[in-house]
Amino acid sequence: MAIKKRKFESAALQWTYDRHVANDPKLIEEYEQEVLNAEIARKIYDLRTKAGLSQRELARRIGTTASTICRLEDADYDGHSLFMLKRIAEAAGKRVEIRFVPLRRKLQPA
């Protein structure tokens, strides 16, 4: 199944993506995984800061270390688990919600 390349508002970003990623299905998959990792890290950071918690306080509430929270908020980290996300959400008075949505980049068969 073919994957449609990502579209960017910035011409420079589009050129860079097209030149280095878009023609290689393996690179596209790796790129999309990195985008997902960054989105999860950002959501953890946003949840923590909106709850007014430091990394140390969040870590204390869920029984881990501040360095673990720091790692979870790093866009390069790819070990997020549903169990840890649930613990983080509960510590901030939230719950995790999982949704399945259509792929944005999937080409329709002709």
PDB file of N, CA and C in Angstrom:
ATOM      1  N   MET A   1       0.849  -1.176   0.000  1.00  0.00           N
ATOM      2  CA  MET A   1       0.000   0.000   0.000  1.00  0.00           C
ATOM      3  C   MET A   1       0.891   1.235   0.000  1.00  0.00           C
ATOM      4  N   ALA A   2       0.648   2.121  -0.920  1.00  0.00           N
ATOM      5  CA  ALA A   2       1.448   3.338  -1.052  1.00  0.00           C
ATOM      6  C   ALA A   2       1.090   4.340   0.036  1.00  0.00           C
ATOM      7  N   ILE A   3       2.073   5.108   0.430  1.00  0.00           N
ATOM      8  CA  ILE A   3       1.871   6.148   1.431  1.00  0.00           C
ATOM      9  C   ILE A   3       2.097   7.495   0.760  1.00  0.00           C
ATOM     10  N   LYS A   4       1.147   8.384   0.911  1.00  0.00           N
ATOM     11  CA  LYS A   4       1.289   9.716   0.342  1.00  0.00           C
ATOM     12  C   LYS A   4       2.276  10.521   1.177  1.00  0.00           C
ATOM     13  N   LYS A   5       3.080  11.313   0.494  1.00  0.00           N
ATOM     14  CA  LYS A   5       4.065  12.104   1.223  1.00  0.00           C
ATOM     15  C   LYS A   5       3.384  13.207   2.026  1.00  0.00           C
ATOM     16  N   ARG A   6       4.045  13.596   3.068  1.00  0.00           N
ATOM     17  CA  ARG A   6       3.566  14.638   3.971  1.00  0.00           C
ATOM     18  C   ARG A   6       3.628  15.989   3.270  1.00  0.00           C
ATOM     19  N   LYS A   7       2.677  16.858   3.605  1.00  0.00           N
ATOM     20  CA  LYS A   7       2.637  18.211   3.041  1.00  0.00           C
ATOM     21  C   LYS A   7       2.965  19.221   4.138  1.00  0.00           C
ATOM     22  N   PHE A   8       3.810  20.193   3.815  1.00  0.00           N
ATOM     23  CA  PHE A   8       4.223  21.221   4.750  1.00  0.00           C
ATOM     24  C   PHE A   8       3.825  22.594   4.223  1.00  0.00           C
ATOM     25  N   GLU A   9       3.547  23.518   5.120  1.00  0.00           N
ATOM     26  CA  GLU A   9       3.257  24.897   4.712  1.00  0.00           C
ATOM     27  C   GLU A   9       4.520  25.618   4.272  1.00  0.00           C
ATOM     28  N   SER A  10       5.627  25.263   4.863  1.00  0.00           N
ATOM     29  CA  SER A  10       6.909  25.894   4.537  1.00  0.00           C
ATOM     30  C   SER A  10       7.510  25.225   3.301  1.00  0.00           C
ATOM     31  N   ALA A  11       7.857  26.034   2.306  1.00  0.00           N
ATOM     32  CA  ALA A  11       8.493  25.507   1.093  1.00  0.00           C
ATOM     33  C   ALA A  11       9.833  24.856   1.421  1.00  0.00           C
ATOM     34  N   ALA A  12      10.574  25.445   2.361  1.00  0.00           N
ATOM     35  CA  ALA A  12      11.876  24.893   2.737  1.00  0.00           C
ATOM     36  C   ALA A  12      11.731  23.526   3.392  1.00  0.00           C
ATOM     37  N   LEU A  13      10.773  23.396   4.286  1.00  0.00           N
ATOM     38  CA  LEU A  13      10.531  22.086   4.903  1.00  0.00           C
ATOM     39  C   LEU A  13      10.070  21.075   3.864  1.00  0.00           C
ATOM     40  N   GLN A  14       9.203  21.491   2.963  1.00  0.00           N
ATOM     41  CA  GLN A  14       8.709  20.584   1.931  1.00  0.00           C
ATOM     42  C   GLN A  14       9.859  20.097   1.051  1.00  0.00           C
ATOM     43  N   TRP A  15      10.737  21.015   0.650  1.00  0.00           N
ATOM     44  CA  TRP A  15      11.872  20.642  -0.178  1.00  0.00           C
ATOM     45  C   TRP A  15      12.765  19.642   0.553  1.00  0.00           C
ATOM     46  N   THR A  16      13.053  19.926   1.816  1.00  0.00           N
ATOM     47  CA  THR A  16      13.916  19.045   2.602  1.00  0.00           C
ATOM     48  C   THR A  16      13.303  17.655   2.748  1.00  0.00           C
ATOM     49  N   TYR A  17      12.016  17.603   3.072  1.00  0.00           N
ATOM     50  CA  TYR A  17      11.329  16.317   3.209  1.00  0.00           C
ATOM     51  C   TYR A  17      11.343  15.570   1.877  1.00  0.00           C
ATOM     52  N   ASP A  18      10.971  16.256   0.801  1.00  0.00           N
ATOM     53  CA  ASP A  18      10.930  15.616  -0.518  1.00  0.00           C
ATOM     54  C   ASP A  18      12.304  15.086  -0.934  1.00  0.00           C
ATOM     55  N   ARG A  19      13.314  15.842  -0.637  1.00  0.00           N
ATOM     56  CA  ARG A  19      14.666  15.469  -1.048  1.00  0.00           C
ATOM     57  C   ARG A  19      15.237  14.311  -0.230  1.00  0.00           C
ATOM     58  N   HIS A  20      14.946  14.278   1.089  1.00  0.00           N
ATOM     59  CA  HIS A  20      15.627  13.319   1.967  1.00  0.00           C
ATOM     60  C   HIS A  20      14.753  12.178   2.485  1.00  0.00           C
ATOM     61  N   VAL A  21      13.439  12.298   2.389  1.00  0.00           N
ATOM     62  CA  VAL A  21      12.569  11.297   3.006  1.00  0.00           C
ATOM     63  C   VAL A  21      11.558  10.701   2.032  1.00  0.00           C
ATOM     64  N   ALA A  22      10.862  11.527   1.315  1.00  0.00           N
ATOM     65  CA  ALA A  22       9.626  11.154   0.629  1.00  0.00           C
ATOM     66  C   ALA A  22       9.724  10.023  -0.377  1.00  0.00           C
ATOM     67  N   ASN A  23      10.882   9.711  -0.885  1.00  0.00           N
ATOM     68  CA  ASN A  23      10.986   8.667  -1.898  1.00  0.00           C
ATOM     69  C   ASN A  23      11.420   7.315  -1.343  1.00  0.00           C
ATOM     70  N   ASP A  24      11.467   7.198  -0.046  1.00  0.00           N
ATOM     71  CA  ASP A  24      11.926   5.961   0.588  1.00  0.00           C
ATOM     72  C   ASP A  24      10.908   5.522   1.642  1.00  0.00           C
ATOM     73  N   PRO A  25      10.159   4.444   1.376  1.00  0.00           N
ATOM     74  CA  PRO A  25       9.132   4.000   2.330  1.00  0.00           C
ATOM     75  C   PRO A  25       9.675   3.737   3.742  1.00  0.00           C
ATOM     76  N   LYS A  26      10.904   3.233   3.836  1.00  0.00           N
ATOM     77  CA  LYS A  26      11.485   2.989   5.158  1.00  0.00           C
ATOM     78  C   LYS A  26      11.732   4.313   5.889  1.00  0.00           C
ATOM     79  N   LEU A  27      12.250   5.303   5.193  1.00  0.00           N
ATOM     80  CA  LEU A  27      12.488   6.616   5.809  1.00  0.00           C
ATOM     81  C   LEU A  27      11.175   7.295   6.180  1.00  0.00           C
ATOM     82  N   ILE A  28      10.152   7.119   5.353  1.00  0.00           N
ATOM     83  CA  ILE A  28       8.843   7.689   5.680  1.00  0.00           C
ATOM     84  C   ILE A  28       8.345   7.093   6.993  1.00  0.00           C
ATOM     85  N   GLU A  29       8.446   5.789   7.137  1.00  0.00           N
ATOM     86  CA  GLU A  29       8.001   5.126   8.369  1.00  0.00           C
ATOM     87  C   GLU A  29       8.800   5.615   9.577  1.00  0.00           C
ATOM     88  N   GLU A  30      10.110   5.724   9.425  1.00  0.00           N
ATOM     89  CA  GLU A  30      10.952   6.222  10.515  1.00  0.00           C
ATOM     90  C   GLU A  30      10.592   7.662  10.861  1.00  0.00           C
ATOM     91  N   TYR A  31      10.376   8.476   9.849  1.00  0.00           N
ATOM     92  CA  TYR A  31      10.001   9.873  10.071  1.00  0.00           C
ATOM     93  C   TYR A  31       8.689   9.958  10.848  1.00  0.00           C
ATOM     94  N   GLU A  32       7.694   9.192  10.420  1.00  0.00           N
ATOM     95  CA  GLU A  32       6.388   9.215  11.089  1.00  0.00           C
ATOM     96  C   GLU A  32       6.506   8.737  12.541  1.00  0.00           C
ATOM     97  N   GLN A  33       7.363   7.757  12.812  1.00  0.00           N
ATOM     98  CA  GLN A  33       7.576   7.292  14.184  1.00  0.00           C
ATOM     99  C   GLN A  33       8.203   8.391  15.028  1.00  0.00           C
ATOM    100  N   GLU A  34       9.149   9.111  14.472  1.00  0.00           N
ATOM    101  CA  GLU A  34       9.782  10.212  15.199  1.00  0.00           C
ATOM    102  C   GLU A  34       8.788  11.339  15.474  1.00  0.00           C
ATOM    103  N   VAL A  35       7.924  11.629  14.514  1.00  0.00           N
ATOM    104  CA  VAL A  35       6.891  12.643  14.733  1.00  0.00           C
ATOM    105  C   VAL A  35       5.983  12.212  15.879  1.00  0.00           C
ATOM    106  N   LEU A  36       5.599  10.935  15.893  1.00  0.00           N
ATOM    107  CA  LEU A  36       4.752  10.415  16.971  1.00  0.00           C
ATOM    108  C   LEU A  36       5.464  10.526  18.320  1.00  0.00           C
ATOM    109  N   ASN A  37       6.735  10.152  18.383  1.00  0.00           N
ATOM    110  CA  ASN A  37       7.500  10.264  19.631  1.00  0.00           C
ATOM    111  C   ASN A  37       7.523  11.706  20.128  1.00  0.00           C
ATOM    112  N   ALA A  38       7.741  12.638  19.223  1.00  0.00           N
ATOM    113  CA  ALA A  38       7.781  14.046  19.601  1.00  0.00           C
ATOM    114  C   ALA A  38       6.420  14.523  20.096  1.00  0.00           C
ATOM    115  N   GLU A  39       5.348  14.072  19.456  1.00  0.00           N
ATOM    116  CA  GLU A  39       4.002  14.470  19.882  1.00  0.00           C
ATOM    117  C   GLU A  39       3.682  13.944  21.284  1.00  0.00           C
ATOM    118  N   ILE A  40       4.047  12.703  21.559  1.00  0.00           N
ATOM    119  CA  ILE A  40       3.801  12.131  22.888  1.00  0.00           C
ATOM    120  C   ILE A  40       4.607  12.884  23.934  1.00  0.00           C
ATOM    121  N   ALA A  41       5.878  13.134  23.650  1.00  0.00           N
ATOM    122  CA  ALA A  41       6.731  13.868  24.591  1.00  0.00           C
ATOM    123  C   ALA A  41       6.138  15.243  24.886  1.00  0.00           C
ATOM    124  N   ARG A  42       5.667  15.915  23.854  1.00  0.00           N
ATOM    125  CA  ARG A  42       5.090  17.253  24.038  1.00  0.00           C
ATOM    126  C   ARG A  42       3.809  17.201  24.864  1.00  0.00           C
ATOM    127  N   LYS A  43       2.999  16.175  24.641  1.00  0.00           N
ATOM    128  CA  LYS A  43       1.763  16.035  25.409  1.00  0.00           C
ATOM    129  C   LYS A  43       2.063  15.788  26.893  1.00  0.00           C
ATOM    130  N   ILE A  44       3.075  15.000  27.174  1.00  0.00           N
ATOM    131  CA  ILE A  44       3.461  14.762  28.572  1.00  0.00           C
ATOM    132  C   ILE A  44       3.928  16.073  29.199  1.00  0.00           C
ATOM    133  N   TYR A  45       4.785  16.798  28.497  1.00  0.00           N
ATOM    134  CA  TYR A  45       5.279  18.086  29.003  1.00  0.00           C
ATOM    135  C   TYR A  45       4.113  19.048  29.248  1.00  0.00           C
ATOM    136  N   ASP A  46       3.215  19.172  28.264  1.00  0.00           N
ATOM    137  CA  ASP A  46       2.076  20.086  28.403  1.00  0.00           C
ATOM    138  C   ASP A  46       1.183  19.693  29.573  1.00  0.00           C
ATOM    139  N   LEU A  47       0.919  18.414  29.724  1.00  0.00           N
ATOM    140  CA  LEU A  47       0.082  17.933  30.828  1.00  0.00           C
ATOM    141  C   LEU A  47       0.722  18.285  32.167  1.00  0.00           C
ATOM    142  N   ARG A  48       2.016  18.027  32.284  1.00  0.00           N
ATOM    143  CA  ARG A  48       2.726  18.289  33.542  1.00  0.00           C
ATOM    144  C   ARG A  48       2.727  19.780  33.863  1.00  0.00           C
ATOM    145  N   THR A  49       3.069  20.609  32.883  1.00  0.00           N
ATOM    146  CA  THR A  49       3.166  22.035  33.171  1.00  0.00           C
ATOM    147  C   THR A  49       1.794  22.664  33.424  1.00  0.00           C
ATOM    148  N   LYS A  50       0.772  22.225  32.722  1.00  0.00           N
ATOM    149  CA  LYS A  50      -0.575  22.749  32.970  1.00  0.00           C
ATOM    150  C   LYS A  50      -1.078  22.348  34.351  1.00  0.00           C
ATOM    151  N   ALA A  51      -0.594  21.202  34.844  1.00  0.00           N
ATOM    152  CA  ALA A  51      -0.957  20.768  36.192  1.00  0.00           C
ATOM    153  C   ALA A  51      -0.111  21.473  37.249  1.00  0.00           C
ATOM    154  N   GLY A  52       0.853  22.283  36.812  1.00  0.00           N
ATOM    155  CA  GLY A  52       1.701  23.015  37.745  1.00  0.00           C
ATOM    156  C   GLY A  52       2.701  22.134  38.469  1.00  0.00           C
ATOM    157  N   LEU A  53       3.123  21.066  37.831  1.00  0.00           N
ATOM    158  CA  LEU A  53       4.041  20.123  38.469  1.00  0.00           C
ATOM    159  C   LEU A  53       5.438  20.242  37.887  1.00  0.00           C
ATOM    160  N   SER A  54       6.417  20.134  38.744  1.00  0.00           N
ATOM    161  CA  SER A  54       7.797  20.033  38.274  1.00  0.00           C
ATOM    162  C   SER A  54       8.039  18.576  37.876  1.00  0.00           C
ATOM    163  N   GLN A  55       9.137  18.331  37.192  1.00  0.00           N
ATOM    164  CA  GLN A  55       9.464  16.942  36.870  1.00  0.00           C
ATOM    165  C   GLN A  55       9.661  16.131  38.147  1.00  0.00           C
ATOM    166  N   ARG A  56      10.279  16.740  39.123  1.00  0.00           N
ATOM    167  CA  ARG A  56      10.522  16.048  40.394  1.00  0.00           C
ATOM    168  C   ARG A  56       9.209  15.707  41.101  1.00  0.00           C
ATOM    169  N   GLU A  57       8.241  16.643  41.110  1.00  0.00           N
ATOM    170  CA  GLU A  57       6.954  16.402  41.764  1.00  0.00           C
ATOM    171  C   GLU A  57       6.160  15.329  41.031  1.00  0.00           C
ATOM    172  N   LEU A  58       6.136  15.384  39.713  1.00  0.00           N
ATOM    173  CA  LEU A  58       5.430  14.348  38.958  1.00  0.00           C
ATOM    174  C   LEU A  58       6.063  12.985  39.218  1.00  0.00           C
ATOM    175  N   ALA A  59       7.374  12.950  39.212  1.00  0.00           N
ATOM    176  CA  ALA A  59       8.081  11.692  39.475  1.00  0.00           C
ATOM    177  C   ALA A  59       7.720  11.142  40.849  1.00  0.00           C
ATOM    178  N   ARG A  60       7.687  12.009  41.851  1.00  0.00           N
ATOM    179  CA  ARG A  60       7.327  11.564  43.204  1.00  0.00           C
ATOM    180  C   ARG A  60       5.925  10.976  43.220  1.00  0.00           C
ATOM    181  N   ARG A  61       4.991  11.631  42.527  1.00  0.00           N
ATOM    182  CA  ARG A  61       3.597  11.170  42.521  1.00  0.00           C
ATOM    183  C   ARG A  61       3.415   9.807  41.860  1.00  0.00           C
ATOM    184  N   ILE A  62       4.259   9.495  40.889  1.00  0.00           N
ATOM    185  CA  ILE A  62       4.073   8.214  40.205  1.00  0.00           C
ATOM    186  C   ILE A  62       5.120   7.171  40.598  1.00  0.00           C
ATOM    187  N   GLY A  63       5.982   7.527  41.539  1.00  0.00           N
ATOM    188  CA  GLY A  63       6.945   6.558  42.054  1.00  0.00           C
ATOM    189  C   GLY A  63       8.112   6.271  41.123  1.00  0.00           C
ATOM    190  N   THR A  64       8.647   7.318  40.505  1.00  0.00           N
ATOM    191  CA  THR A  64       9.815   7.152  39.646  1.00  0.00           C
ATOM    192  C   THR A  64      10.767   8.312  39.911  1.00  0.00           C
ATOM    193  N   THR A  65      11.721   8.506  39.036  1.00  0.00           N
ATOM    194  CA  THR A  65      12.707   9.573  39.227  1.00  0.00           C
ATOM    195  C   THR A  65      12.452  10.729  38.257  1.00  0.00           C
ATOM    196  N   ALA A  66      12.982  11.887  38.604  1.00  0.00           N
ATOM    197  CA  ALA A  66      12.866  13.054  37.724  1.00  0.00           C
ATOM    198  C   ALA A  66      13.563  12.799  36.399  1.00  0.00           C
ATOM    199  N   SER A  67      14.646  12.018  36.412  1.00  0.00           N
ATOM    200  CA  SER A  67      15.343  11.720  35.154  1.00  0.00           C
ATOM    201  C   SER A  67      14.470  10.878  34.227  1.00  0.00           C
ATOM    202  N   THR A  68      13.613  10.045  34.796  1.00  0.00           N
ATOM    203  CA  THR A  68      12.672   9.275  33.975  1.00  0.00           C
ATOM    204  C   THR A  68      11.670  10.205  33.312  1.00  0.00           C
ATOM    205  N   ILE A  69      11.158  11.173  34.065  1.00  0.00           N
ATOM    206  CA  ILE A  69      10.214  12.139  33.499  1.00  0.00           C
ATOM    207  C   ILE A  69      10.908  12.949  32.412  1.00  0.00           C
ATOM    208  N   CYS A  70      12.131  13.359  32.659  1.00  0.00           N
ATOM    209  CA  CYS A  70      12.911  14.104  31.669  1.00  0.00           C
ATOM    210  C   CYS A  70      13.043  13.285  30.384  1.00  0.00           C
ATOM    211  N   ARG A  71      13.346  12.016  30.528  1.00  0.00           N
ATOM    212  CA  ARG A  71      13.481  11.136  29.367  1.00  0.00           C
ATOM    213  C   ARG A  71      12.157  10.998  28.618  1.00  0.00           C
ATOM    214  N   LEU A  72      11.040  10.860  29.351  1.00  0.00           N
ATOM    215  CA  LEU A  72       9.720  10.731  28.723  1.00  0.00           C
ATOM    216  C   LEU A  72       9.323  11.994  27.961  1.00  0.00           C
ATOM    217  N   GLU A  73       9.839  13.148  28.385  1.00  0.00           N
ATOM    218  CA  GLU A  73       9.542  14.415  27.720  1.00  0.00           C
ATOM    219  C   GLU A  73      10.531  14.740  26.601  1.00  0.00           C
ATOM    220  N   ASP A  74      11.459  13.842  26.339  1.00  0.00           N
ATOM    221  CA  ASP A  74      12.444  14.029  25.280  1.00  0.00           C
ATOM    222  C   ASP A  74      11.865  13.502  23.970  1.00  0.00           C
ATOM    223  N   ALA A  75      11.876  14.325  22.928  1.00  0.00           N
ATOM    224  CA  ALA A  75      11.314  13.938  21.633  1.00  0.00           C
ATOM    225  C   ALA A  75      12.020  12.731  21.023  1.00  0.00           C
ATOM    226  N   ASP A  76      13.244  12.457  21.429  1.00  0.00           N
ATOM    227  CA  ASP A  76      13.984  11.315  20.882  1.00  0.00           C
ATOM    228  C   ASP A  76      13.663   9.999  21.582  1.00  0.00           C
ATOM    229  N   TYR A  77      12.923  10.045  22.674  1.00  0.00           N
ATOM    230  CA  TYR A  77      12.600   8.830  23.428  1.00  0.00           C
ATOM    231  C   TYR A  77      11.511   8.059  22.707  1.00  0.00           C
ATOM    232  N   ASP A  78      11.705   6.750  22.569  1.00  0.00           N
ATOM    233  CA  ASP A  78      10.697   5.950  21.870  1.00  0.00           C
ATOM    234  C   ASP A  78      10.178   4.781  22.702  1.00  0.00           C
ATOM    235  N   GLY A  79      10.261   4.882  24.014  1.00  0.00           N
ATOM    236  CA  GLY A  79       9.833   3.784  24.870  1.00  0.00           C
ATOM    237  C   GLY A  79       8.582   4.072  25.676  1.00  0.00           C
ATOM    238  N   HIS A  80       7.738   4.977  25.195  1.00  0.00           N
ATOM    239  CA  HIS A  80       6.515   5.298  25.940  1.00  0.00           C
ATOM    240  C   HIS A  80       5.629   4.062  26.050  1.00  0.00           C
ATOM    241  N   SER A  81       5.106   3.824  27.239  1.00  0.00           N
ATOM    242  CA  SER A  81       4.192   2.698  27.430  1.00  0.00           C
ATOM    243  C   SER A  81       2.844   3.223  27.890  1.00  0.00           C
ATOM    244  N   LEU A  82       1.823   2.488  27.567  1.00  0.00           N
ATOM    245  CA  LEU A  82       0.485   2.872  27.988  1.00  0.00           C
ATOM    246  C   LEU A  82       0.393   2.896  29.509  1.00  0.00           C
ATOM    247  N   PHE A  83       1.039   1.966  30.169  1.00  0.00           N
ATOM    248  CA  PHE A  83       1.031   1.912  31.630  1.00  0.00           C
ATOM    249  C   PHE A  83       1.608   3.199  32.225  1.00  0.00           C
ATOM    250  N   MET A  84       2.742   3.661  31.691  1.00  0.00           N
ATOM    251  CA  MET A  84       3.361   4.884  32.212  1.00  0.00           C
ATOM    252  C   MET A  84       2.509   6.103  31.885  1.00  0.00           C
ATOM    253  N   LEU A  85       1.952   6.155  30.680  1.00  0.00           N
ATOM    254  CA  LEU A  85       1.082   7.281  30.318  1.00  0.00           C
ATOM    255  C   LEU A  85      -0.122   7.350  31.247  1.00  0.00           C
ATOM    256  N   LYS A  86      -0.664   6.200  31.605  1.00  0.00           N
ATOM    257  CA  LYS A  86      -1.807   6.157  32.528  1.00  0.00           C
ATOM    258  C   LYS A  86      -1.406   6.693  33.902  1.00  0.00           C
ATOM    259  N   ARG A  87      -0.242   6.303  34.396  1.00  0.00           N
ATOM    260  CA  ARG A  87       0.235   6.791  35.695  1.00  0.00           C
ATOM    261  C   ARG A  87       0.434   8.303  35.678  1.00  0.00           C
ATOM    262  N   ILE A  88       1.008   8.811  34.595  1.00  0.00           N
ATOM    263  CA  ILE A  88       1.233  10.253  34.462  1.00  0.00           C
ATOM    264  C   ILE A  88      -0.102  10.990  34.441  1.00  0.00           C
ATOM    265  N   ALA A  89      -1.034  10.500  33.647  1.00  0.00           N
ATOM    266  CA  ALA A  89      -2.351  11.142  33.553  1.00  0.00           C
ATOM    267  C   ALA A  89      -3.039  11.175  34.919  1.00  0.00           C
ATOM    268  N   GLU A  90      -3.030  10.079  35.637  1.00  0.00           N
ATOM    269  CA  GLU A  90      -3.672  10.023  36.955  1.00  0.00           C
ATOM    270  C   GLU A  90      -3.028  11.002  37.925  1.00  0.00           C
ATOM    271  N   ALA A  91      -1.708  11.134  37.860  1.00  0.00           N
ATOM    272  CA  ALA A  91      -1.006  12.053  38.758  1.00  0.00           C
ATOM    273  C   ALA A  91      -1.397  13.499  38.495  1.00  0.00           C
ATOM    274  N   ALA A  92      -1.844  13.782  37.266  1.00  0.00           N
ATOM    275  CA  ALA A  92      -2.260  15.138  36.896  1.00  0.00           C
ATOM    276  C   ALA A  92      -3.781  15.285  36.933  1.00  0.00           C
ATOM    277  N   GLY A  93      -4.460  14.278  37.480  1.00  0.00           N
ATOM    278  CA  GLY A  93      -5.920  14.344  37.581  1.00  0.00           C
ATOM    279  C   GLY A  93      -6.622  14.157  36.242  1.00  0.00           C
ATOM    280  N   LYS A  94      -6.010  13.418  35.359  1.00  0.00           N
ATOM    281  CA  LYS A  94      -6.567  13.170  34.026  1.00  0.00           C
ATOM    282  C   LYS A  94      -6.653  11.667  33.778  1.00  0.00           C
ATOM    283  N   ARG A  95      -7.175  11.326  32.612  1.00  0.00           N
ATOM    284  CA  ARG A  95      -7.185   9.929  32.188  1.00  0.00           C
ATOM    285  C   ARG A  95      -6.688   9.863  30.753  1.00  0.00           C
ATOM    286  N   VAL A  96      -6.208   8.710  30.359  1.00  0.00           N
ATOM    287  CA  VAL A  96      -5.735   8.510  28.994  1.00  0.00           C
ATOM    288  C   VAL A  96      -6.928   8.097  28.151  1.00  0.00           C
ATOM    289  N   GLU A  97      -7.021   8.676  26.974  1.00  0.00           N
ATOM    290  CA  GLU A  97      -8.057   8.307  26.018  1.00  0.00           C
ATOM    291  C   GLU A  97      -7.374   7.876  24.732  1.00  0.00           C
ATOM    292  N   ILE A  98      -7.751   6.726  24.228  1.00  0.00           N
ATOM    293  CA  ILE A  98      -7.147   6.207  23.001  1.00  0.00           C
ATOM    294  C   ILE A  98      -8.194   6.242  21.903  1.00  0.00           C
ATOM    295  N   ARG A  99      -7.785   6.760  20.752  1.00  0.00           N
ATOM    296  CA  ARG A  99      -8.698   6.825  19.610  1.00  0.00           C
ATOM    297  C   ARG A  99      -7.993   6.235  18.393  1.00  0.00           C
ATOM    298  N   PHE A 100      -8.765   5.640  17.536  1.00  0.00           N
ATOM    299  CA  PHE A 100      -8.260   5.172  16.251  1.00  0.00           C
ATOM    300  C   PHE A 100      -8.857   6.084  15.189  1.00  0.00           C
ATOM    301  N   VAL A 101      -8.004   6.714  14.410  1.00  0.00           N
ATOM    302  CA  VAL A 101      -8.449   7.665  13.404  1.00  0.00           C
ATOM    303  C   VAL A 101      -7.897   7.244  12.043  1.00  0.00           C
ATOM    304  N   PRO A 102      -8.555   7.674  10.965  1.00  0.00           N
ATOM    305  CA  PRO A 102      -8.061   7.306   9.634  1.00  0.00           C
ATOM    306  C   PRO A 102      -6.656   7.850   9.398  1.00  0.00           C
ATOM    307  N   LEU A 103      -5.888   7.120   8.626  1.00  0.00           N
ATOM    308  CA  LEU A 103      -4.566   7.592   8.230  1.00  0.00           C
ATOM    309  C   LEU A 103      -4.726   8.774   7.306  1.00  0.00           C
ATOM    310  N   ARG A 104      -3.946   9.797   7.508  1.00  0.00           N
ATOM    311  CA  ARG A 104      -3.992  10.983   6.657  1.00  0.00           C
ATOM    312  C   ARG A 104      -3.212  10.769   5.374  1.00  0.00           C
ATOM    313  N   ARG A 105      -2.274   9.880   5.393  1.00  0.00           N
ATOM    314  CA  ARG A 105      -1.336   9.778   4.301  1.00  0.00           C
ATOM    315  C   ARG A 105      -1.555   8.566   3.401  1.00  0.00           C
ATOM    316  N   LYS A 106      -2.642   7.837   3.590  1.00  0.00           N
ATOM    317  CA  LYS A 106      -2.873   6.638   2.813  1.00  0.00           C
ATOM    318  C   LYS A 106      -3.526   6.988   1.471  1.00  0.00           C
ATOM    319  N   LEU A 107      -2.949   6.458   0.395  1.00  0.00           N
ATOM    320  CA  LEU A 107      -3.545   6.664  -0.918  1.00  0.00           C
ATOM    321  C   LEU A 107      -4.703   5.705  -1.123  1.00  0.00           C
ATOM    322  N   GLN A 108      -5.730   6.176  -1.738  1.00  0.00           N
ATOM    323  CA  GLN A 108      -6.876   5.323  -2.061  1.00  0.00           C
ATOM    324  C   GLN A 108      -6.553   4.520  -3.314  1.00  0.00           C
ATOM    325  N   PRO A 109      -6.945   3.235  -3.362  1.00  0.00           N
ATOM    326  CA  PRO A 109      -6.691   2.432  -4.570  1.00  0.00           C
ATOM    327  C   PRO A 109      -7.419   3.040  -5.764  1.00  0.00           C
ATOM    328  N   ALA A 110      -6.803   2.941  -6.907  1.00  0.00           N
ATOM    329  CA  ALA A 110      -7.402   3.513  -8.124  1.00  0.00           C
ATOM    330  C   ALA A 110      -8.519   2.651  -8.664  1.00  0.00           C
TER     331      ALA A 110
END
